[in-house]
Amino acid sequence: MSENWVKIFSTDLLYKAEIARGVLEENEIKAVVLNKQDSAYVSIGLFELYVNKENVLRASNLIKEIKYE
């Protein structure tokens, strides 16, 4: 990833990463989910959410407000 992108969230559940990405994009913040899970052992690894470094503070605050359950 480019040095302009910063990881702001990680989870072992894809749906949580996609919900977070959706919330950010609804607020006009471009976000990317990277799948860092091992292809042979799906239970090993995480899904990581990245945003441009200029949006880190705003994106982090939005992520904290998400209720997944």
C-alpha atoms as a PDB file:
ATOM      1  CA  MET A   1       0.000   0.000   0.000  1.00  0.00           C
ATOM      2  CA  SER A   2       1.041   3.550  -0.593  1.00  0.00           C
ATOM      3  CA  GLU A   3       2.396   5.578   2.308  1.00  0.00           C
ATOM      4  CA  ASN A   4      -0.740   7.748   2.041  1.00  0.00           C
ATOM      5  CA  TRP A   5      -2.948   4.916   3.331  1.00  0.00           C
ATOM      6  CA  VAL A   6      -3.278   4.148   7.040  1.00  0.00           C
ATOM      7  CA  LYS A   7      -4.795   1.093   8.741  1.00  0.00           C
ATOM      8  CA  ILE A   8      -7.551   2.242  11.099  1.00  0.00           C
ATOM      9  CA  PHE A   9      -9.400  -0.983  11.864  1.00  0.00           C
ATOM     10  CA  SER A  10      -8.885  -4.741  11.789  1.00  0.00           C
ATOM     11  CA  THR A  11     -11.140  -7.679  12.543  1.00  0.00           C
ATOM     12  CA  ASP A  12     -11.342 -11.396  11.937  1.00  0.00           C
ATOM     13  CA  LEU A  13     -14.913 -11.038  10.619  1.00  0.00           C
ATOM     14  CA  LEU A  14     -15.437  -9.854   7.053  1.00  0.00           C
ATOM     15  CA  TYR A  15     -18.917  -8.475   7.717  1.00  0.00           C
ATOM     16  CA  LYS A  16     -17.567  -6.054  10.346  1.00  0.00           C
ATOM     17  CA  ALA A  17     -14.926  -4.748   7.947  1.00  0.00           C
ATOM     18  CA  GLU A  18     -17.527  -4.315   5.196  1.00  0.00           C
ATOM     19  CA  ILE A  19     -19.968  -2.519   7.522  1.00  0.00           C
ATOM     20  CA  ALA A  20     -17.194  -0.152   8.590  1.00  0.00           C
ATOM     21  CA  ARG A  21     -16.206   0.455   4.961  1.00  0.00           C
ATOM     22  CA  GLY A  22     -19.825   1.148   4.069  1.00  0.00           C
ATOM     23  CA  VAL A  23     -20.228   3.662   6.895  1.00  0.00           C
ATOM     24  CA  LEU A  24     -17.093   5.482   5.810  1.00  0.00           C
ATOM     25  CA  GLU A  25     -18.124   5.584   2.168  1.00  0.00           C
ATOM     26  CA  GLU A  26     -21.571   6.915   3.162  1.00  0.00           C
ATOM     27  CA  ASN A  27     -19.642   9.758   4.798  1.00  0.00           C
ATOM     28  CA  GLU A  28     -17.599  10.321   1.622  1.00  0.00           C
ATOM     29  CA  ILE A  29     -14.404   8.724   2.950  1.00  0.00           C
ATOM     30  CA  LYS A  30     -12.759   6.290   0.531  1.00  0.00           C
ATOM     31  CA  ALA A  31     -11.848   3.077   2.322  1.00  0.00           C
ATOM     32  CA  VAL A  32     -10.243  -0.210   1.268  1.00  0.00           C
ATOM     33  CA  VAL A  33     -10.549  -3.618   2.938  1.00  0.00           C
ATOM     34  CA  LEU A  34      -7.526  -5.903   2.627  1.00  0.00           C
ATOM     35  CA  ASN A  35      -7.946  -9.613   3.263  1.00  0.00           C
ATOM     36  CA  LYS A  36      -4.916 -10.754   5.256  1.00  0.00           C
ATOM     37  CA  GLN A  37      -6.330 -14.200   6.028  1.00  0.00           C
ATOM     38  CA  ASP A  38      -4.281 -17.247   5.201  1.00  0.00           C
ATOM     39  CA  SER A  39      -5.788 -19.022   2.191  1.00  0.00           C
ATOM     40  CA  ALA A  40      -5.109 -22.460   3.669  1.00  0.00           C
ATOM     41  CA  TYR A  41      -6.235 -21.658   7.226  1.00  0.00           C
ATOM     42  CA  VAL A  42      -9.141 -19.236   7.070  1.00  0.00           C
ATOM     43  CA  SER A  43      -9.189 -18.817  10.856  1.00  0.00           C
ATOM     44  CA  ILE A  44      -5.710 -17.259  10.749  1.00  0.00           C
ATOM     45  CA  GLY A  45      -5.417 -13.614   9.767  1.00  0.00           C
ATOM     46  CA  LEU A  46      -7.469 -10.454   9.714  1.00  0.00           C
ATOM     47  CA  PHE A  47      -9.394  -8.116   7.469  1.00  0.00           C
ATOM     48  CA  GLU A  48      -7.814  -4.657   7.613  1.00  0.00           C
ATOM     49  CA  LEU A  49      -9.487  -1.355   6.762  1.00  0.00           C
ATOM     50  CA  TYR A  50      -7.367   1.451   5.299  1.00  0.00           C
ATOM     51  CA  VAL A  51      -8.145   5.116   4.617  1.00  0.00           C
ATOM     52  CA  ASN A  52      -6.150   8.011   3.238  1.00  0.00           C
ATOM     53  CA  LYS A  53      -4.042   9.613   5.970  1.00  0.00           C
ATOM     54  CA  GLU A  54      -5.922  12.917   5.679  1.00  0.00           C
ATOM     55  CA  ASN A  55      -9.127  11.130   6.794  1.00  0.00           C
ATOM     56  CA  VAL A  56      -7.738   9.099   9.708  1.00  0.00           C
ATOM     57  CA  LEU A  57      -9.192  11.123  12.581  1.00  0.00           C
ATOM     58  CA  ARG A  58     -12.658  11.511  11.097  1.00  0.00           C
ATOM     59  CA  ALA A  59     -12.762   7.861   9.977  1.00  0.00           C
ATOM     60  CA  SER A  60     -11.600   6.580  13.373  1.00  0.00           C
ATOM     61  CA  ASN A  61     -14.341   8.552  15.116  1.00  0.00           C
ATOM     62  CA  LEU A  62     -16.982   7.145  12.763  1.00  0.00           C
ATOM     63  CA  ILE A  63     -15.725   3.586  13.309  1.00  0.00           C
ATOM     64  CA  LYS A  64     -15.993   3.988  17.105  1.00  0.00           C
ATOM     65  CA  GLU A  65     -19.701   4.820  16.750  1.00  0.00           C
ATOM     66  CA  ILE A  66     -20.638   1.638  14.853  1.00  0.00           C
ATOM     67  CA  LYS A  67     -22.843  -0.854  16.700  1.00  0.00           C
ATOM     68  CA  TYR A  68     -22.352  -4.277  15.070  1.00  0.00           C
ATOM     69  CA  GLU A  69     -24.809  -6.263  17.162  1.00  0.00           C
END
